[in-house]
């Protein structure tokens, strides 16, 4: 769907706010007891990647 007025940033901001709210809702819904362990694995992988350079 195209915006009839390309200078209408208010509509684009509303779309952005809506998308952000949807992403926050999705990530909150996906949060579970494994999230902390996953975050620790990601951090460990990043550390290993830094050491490999």
PDB file of N, CA and C in Angstrom:
ATOM      1  N   UNK A   1       0.860  -1.181   0.000  1.00  0.00           N
ATOM      2  CA  UNK A   1       0.000   0.000   0.000  1.00  0.00           C
ATOM      3  C   UNK A   1       0.896   1.230   0.000  1.00  0.00           C
ATOM      4  N   UNK A   2       0.726   2.061  -0.997  1.00  0.00           N
ATOM      5  CA  UNK A   2       1.576   3.240  -1.091  1.00  0.00           C
ATOM      6  C   UNK A   2       0.906   4.427  -0.409  1.00  0.00           C
ATOM      7  N   UNK A   3       1.736   5.310   0.033  1.00  0.00           N
ATOM      8  CA  UNK A   3       1.268   6.516   0.699  1.00  0.00           C
ATOM      9  C   UNK A   3       1.028   7.581  -0.367  1.00  0.00           C
ATOM     10  N   UNK A   4      -0.158   8.167  -0.386  1.00  0.00           N
ATOM     11  CA  UNK A   4      -0.478   9.156  -1.414  1.00  0.00           C
ATOM     12  C   UNK A   4       0.370  10.413  -1.283  1.00  0.00           C
ATOM     13  N   UNK A   5       0.825  10.708  -0.080  1.00  0.00           N
ATOM     14  CA  UNK A   5       1.657  11.883   0.139  1.00  0.00           C
ATOM     15  C   UNK A   5       3.008  11.415   0.696  1.00  0.00           C
ATOM     16  N   UNK A   6       4.047  11.424  -0.124  1.00  0.00           N
ATOM     17  CA  UNK A   6       5.347  10.931   0.348  1.00  0.00           C
ATOM     18  C   UNK A   6       5.941  11.754   1.485  1.00  0.00           C
ATOM     19  N   UNK A   7       5.427  12.953   1.703  1.00  0.00           N
ATOM     20  CA  UNK A   7       5.933  13.802   2.780  1.00  0.00           C
ATOM     21  C   UNK A   7       5.151  13.633   4.072  1.00  0.00           C
ATOM     22  N   UNK A   8       4.178  12.720   4.074  1.00  0.00           N
ATOM     23  CA  UNK A   8       3.357  12.508   5.257  1.00  0.00           C
ATOM     24  C   UNK A   8       4.065  11.546   6.209  1.00  0.00           C
ATOM     25  N   UNK A   9       4.889  12.102   7.073  1.00  0.00           N
ATOM     26  CA  UNK A   9       5.663  11.259   7.980  1.00  0.00           C
ATOM     27  C   UNK A   9       4.826  10.770   9.161  1.00  0.00           C
ATOM     28  N   UNK A  10       3.683  11.411   9.408  1.00  0.00           N
ATOM     29  CA  UNK A  10       2.837  10.984  10.524  1.00  0.00           C
ATOM     30  C   UNK A  10       2.348   9.552  10.295  1.00  0.00           C
ATOM     31  N   UNK A  11       1.911   9.255   9.084  1.00  0.00           N
ATOM     32  CA  UNK A  11       1.449   7.906   8.770  1.00  0.00           C
ATOM     33  C   UNK A  11       2.591   6.910   8.887  1.00  0.00           C
ATOM     34  N   UNK A  12       3.748   7.280   8.386  1.00  0.00           N
ATOM     35  CA  UNK A  12       4.898   6.382   8.481  1.00  0.00           C
ATOM     36  C   UNK A  12       5.270   6.140   9.936  1.00  0.00           C
ATOM     37  N   UNK A  13       5.191   7.148  10.774  1.00  0.00           N
ATOM     38  CA  UNK A  13       5.504   6.991  12.195  1.00  0.00           C
ATOM     39  C   UNK A  13       4.494   6.057  12.855  1.00  0.00           C
ATOM     40  N   UNK A  14       3.216   6.169  12.473  1.00  0.00           N
ATOM     41  CA  UNK A  14       2.203   5.275  13.033  1.00  0.00           C
ATOM     42  C   UNK A  14       2.501   3.830  12.646  1.00  0.00           C
ATOM     43  N   UNK A  15       2.911   3.631  11.391  1.00  0.00           N
ATOM     44  CA  UNK A  15       3.258   2.285  10.943  1.00  0.00           C
ATOM     45  C   UNK A  15       4.456   1.764  11.735  1.00  0.00           C
ATOM     46  N   UNK A  16       5.437   2.635  11.945  1.00  0.00           N
ATOM     47  CA  UNK A  16       6.627   2.245  12.693  1.00  0.00           C
ATOM     48  C   UNK A  16       6.267   1.887  14.131  1.00  0.00           C
ATOM     49  N   UNK A  17       5.424   2.705  14.761  1.00  0.00           N
ATOM     50  CA  UNK A  17       5.006   2.441  16.139  1.00  0.00           C
ATOM     51  C   UNK A  17       4.251   1.124  16.228  1.00  0.00           C
ATOM     52  N   UNK A  18       3.397   0.870  15.254  1.00  0.00           N
ATOM     53  CA  UNK A  18       2.630  -0.364  15.231  1.00  0.00           C
ATOM     54  C   UNK A  18       3.538  -1.576  15.074  1.00  0.00           C
ATOM     55  N   UNK A  19       4.513  -1.464  14.180  1.00  0.00           N
ATOM     56  CA  UNK A  19       5.445  -2.569  13.959  1.00  0.00           C
ATOM     57  C   UNK A  19       6.271  -2.820  15.216  1.00  0.00           C
ATOM     58  N   UNK A  20       6.697  -1.750  15.877  1.00  0.00           N
ATOM     59  CA  UNK A  20       7.485  -1.893  17.104  1.00  0.00           C
ATOM     60  C   UNK A  20       6.669  -2.572  18.195  1.00  0.00           C
ATOM     61  N   UNK A  21       5.416  -2.172  18.325  1.00  0.00           N
ATOM     62  CA  UNK A  21       4.553  -2.777  19.338  1.00  0.00           C
ATOM     63  C   UNK A  21       4.338  -4.257  19.047  1.00  0.00           C
ATOM     64  N   UNK A  22       4.187  -4.603  17.779  1.00  0.00           N
ATOM     65  CA  UNK A  22       3.997  -6.002  17.403  1.00  0.00           C
ATOM     66  C   UNK A  22       5.244  -6.825  17.732  1.00  0.00           C
ATOM     67  N   UNK A  23       6.411  -6.265  17.457  1.00  0.00           N
ATOM     68  CA  UNK A  23       7.652  -6.984  17.759  1.00  0.00           C
ATOM     69  C   UNK A  23       7.844  -7.170  19.260  1.00  0.00           C
ATOM     70  N   UNK A  24       7.525  -6.136  20.033  1.00  0.00           N
ATOM     71  CA  UNK A  24       7.643  -6.254  21.486  1.00  0.00           C
ATOM     72  C   UNK A  24       6.708  -7.330  22.005  1.00  0.00           C
ATOM     73  N   UNK A  25       5.488  -7.346  21.494  1.00  0.00           N
ATOM     74  CA  UNK A  25       4.522  -8.349  21.916  1.00  0.00           C
ATOM     75  C   UNK A  25       5.008  -9.741  21.562  1.00  0.00           C
ATOM     76  N   UNK A  26       5.541  -9.884  20.366  1.00  0.00           N
ATOM     77  CA  UNK A  26       6.027 -11.184  19.917  1.00  0.00           C
ATOM     78  C   UNK A  26       7.182 -11.667  20.790  1.00  0.00           C
ATOM     79  N   UNK A  27       8.119 -10.787  21.088  1.00  0.00           N
ATOM     80  CA  UNK A  27       9.275 -11.216  21.886  1.00  0.00           C
ATOM     81  C   UNK A  27       8.864 -11.511  23.320  1.00  0.00           C
ATOM     82  N   UNK A  28       7.902 -10.769  23.853  1.00  0.00           N
ATOM     83  CA  UNK A  28       7.436 -11.053  25.204  1.00  0.00           C
ATOM     84  C   UNK A  28       6.718 -12.394  25.243  1.00  0.00           C
ATOM     85  N   UNK A  29       5.942 -12.695  24.190  1.00  0.00           N
ATOM     86  CA  UNK A  29       5.239 -13.967  24.129  1.00  0.00           C
ATOM     87  C   UNK A  29       6.203 -15.129  23.995  1.00  0.00           C
ATOM     88  N   UNK A  30       7.324 -14.906  23.340  1.00  0.00           N
ATOM     89  CA  UNK A  30       8.296 -15.971  23.125  1.00  0.00           C
ATOM     90  C   UNK A  30       9.255 -16.147  24.299  1.00  0.00           C
ATOM     91  N   UNK A  31       9.208 -15.243  25.254  1.00  0.00           N
ATOM     92  CA  UNK A  31      10.121 -15.318  26.399  1.00  0.00           C
ATOM     93  C   UNK A  31       9.742 -16.504  27.279  1.00  0.00           C
ATOM     94  N   UNK A  32      10.717 -17.309  27.608  1.00  0.00           N
ATOM     95  CA  UNK A  32      10.463 -18.441  28.496  1.00  0.00           C
ATOM     96  C   UNK A  32      11.705 -18.723  29.332  1.00  0.00           C
ATOM     97  N   UNK A  33      11.659 -19.836  30.068  1.00  0.00           N
ATOM     98  CA  UNK A  33      12.765 -20.129  30.985  1.00  0.00           C
ATOM     99  C   UNK A  33      14.072 -20.409  30.261  1.00  0.00           C
ATOM    100  N   UNK A  34      14.021 -20.718  28.972  1.00  0.00           N
ATOM    101  CA  UNK A  34      15.244 -20.994  28.220  1.00  0.00           C
ATOM    102  C   UNK A  34      15.905 -19.721  27.689  1.00  0.00           C
ATOM    103  N   UNK A  35      15.240 -18.604  27.808  1.00  0.00           N
ATOM    104  CA  UNK A  35      15.768 -17.359  27.242  1.00  0.00           C
ATOM    105  C   UNK A  35      17.098 -16.960  27.868  1.00  0.00           C
ATOM    106  N   UNK A  36      17.204 -17.110  29.172  1.00  0.00           N
ATOM    107  CA  UNK A  36      18.446 -16.723  29.843  1.00  0.00           C
ATOM    108  C   UNK A  36      19.601 -17.619  29.398  1.00  0.00           C
ATOM    109  N   UNK A  37      19.346 -18.909  29.279  1.00  0.00           N
ATOM    110  CA  UNK A  37      20.383 -19.833  28.828  1.00  0.00           C
ATOM    111  C   UNK A  37      20.787 -19.506  27.390  1.00  0.00           C
ATOM    112  N   UNK A  38      19.817 -19.171  26.568  1.00  0.00           N
ATOM    113  CA  UNK A  38      20.121 -18.820  25.180  1.00  0.00           C
ATOM    114  C   UNK A  38      20.968 -17.560  25.129  1.00  0.00           C
ATOM    115  N   UNK A  39      20.644 -16.588  25.957  1.00  0.00           N
ATOM    116  CA  UNK A  39      21.418 -15.343  25.993  1.00  0.00           C
ATOM    117  C   UNK A  39      22.859 -15.622  26.422  1.00  0.00           C
ATOM    118  N   UNK A  40      23.023 -16.521  27.361  1.00  0.00           N
ATOM    119  CA  UNK A  40      24.379 -16.874  27.800  1.00  0.00           C
ATOM    120  C   UNK A  40      25.158 -17.564  26.682  1.00  0.00           C
ATOM    121  N   UNK A  41      24.494 -18.428  25.910  1.00  0.00           N
ATOM    122  CA  UNK A  41      25.168 -19.088  24.788  1.00  0.00           C
ATOM    123  C   UNK A  41      25.569 -18.079  23.723  1.00  0.00           C
ATOM    124  N   UNK A  42      24.686 -17.114  23.469  1.00  0.00           N
ATOM    125  CA  UNK A  42      25.007 -16.074  22.475  1.00  0.00           C
ATOM    126  C   UNK A  42      26.212 -15.267  22.942  1.00  0.00           C
ATOM    127  N   UNK A  43      26.228 -14.896  24.211  1.00  0.00           N
ATOM    128  CA  UNK A  43      27.353 -14.127  24.751  1.00  0.00           C
ATOM    129  C   UNK A  43      28.645 -14.932  24.651  1.00  0.00           C
ATOM    130  N   UNK A  44      28.564 -16.220  24.947  1.00  0.00           N
ATOM    131  CA  UNK A  44      29.758 -17.067  24.856  1.00  0.00           C
ATOM    132  C   UNK A  44      30.234 -17.162  23.413  1.00  0.00           C
ATOM    133  N   UNK A  45      29.307 -17.298  22.486  1.00  0.00           N
ATOM    134  CA  UNK A  45      29.676 -17.358  21.068  1.00  0.00           C
ATOM    135  C   UNK A  45      30.349 -16.070  20.617  1.00  0.00           C
ATOM    136  N   UNK A  46      29.852 -14.935  21.097  1.00  0.00           N
ATOM    137  CA  UNK A  46      30.462 -13.651  20.741  1.00  0.00           C
ATOM    138  C   UNK A  46      31.876 -13.559  21.292  1.00  0.00           C
ATOM    139  N   UNK A  47      32.062 -14.002  22.516  1.00  0.00           N
ATOM    140  CA  UNK A  47      33.396 -13.984  23.113  1.00  0.00           C
ATOM    141  C   UNK A  47      34.345 -14.877  22.319  1.00  0.00           C
ATOM    142  N   UNK A  48      33.866 -16.055  21.930  1.00  0.00           N
ATOM    143  CA  UNK A  48      34.698 -16.969  21.152  1.00  0.00           C
ATOM    144  C   UNK A  48      35.046 -16.362  19.798  1.00  0.00           C
ATOM    145  N   UNK A  49      34.097 -15.678  19.191  1.00  0.00           N
ATOM    146  CA  UNK A  49      34.346 -15.047  17.890  1.00  0.00           C
ATOM    147  C   UNK A  49      35.392 -13.952  18.025  1.00  0.00           C
ATOM    148  N   UNK A  50      35.343 -13.200  19.112  1.00  0.00           N
ATOM    149  CA  UNK A  50      36.348 -12.144  19.341  1.00  0.00           C
ATOM    150  C   UNK A  50      37.733 -12.743  19.515  1.00  0.00           C
ATOM    151  N   UNK A  51      37.815 -13.860  20.234  1.00  0.00           N
ATOM    152  CA  UNK A  51      39.098 -14.504  20.490  1.00  0.00           C
ATOM    153  C   UNK A  51      39.690 -15.086  19.212  1.00  0.00           C
ATOM    154  N   UNK A  52      38.833 -15.499  18.289  1.00  0.00           N
ATOM    155  CA  UNK A  52      39.288 -16.111  17.043  1.00  0.00           C
ATOM    156  C   UNK A  52      39.882 -15.101  16.066  1.00  0.00           C
ATOM    157  N   UNK A  53      39.593 -13.839  16.267  1.00  0.00           N
ATOM    158  CA  UNK A  53      40.074 -12.814  15.324  1.00  0.00           C
ATOM    159  C   UNK A  53      41.532 -12.529  15.528  1.00  0.00           C
TER     160      UNK A  53
END
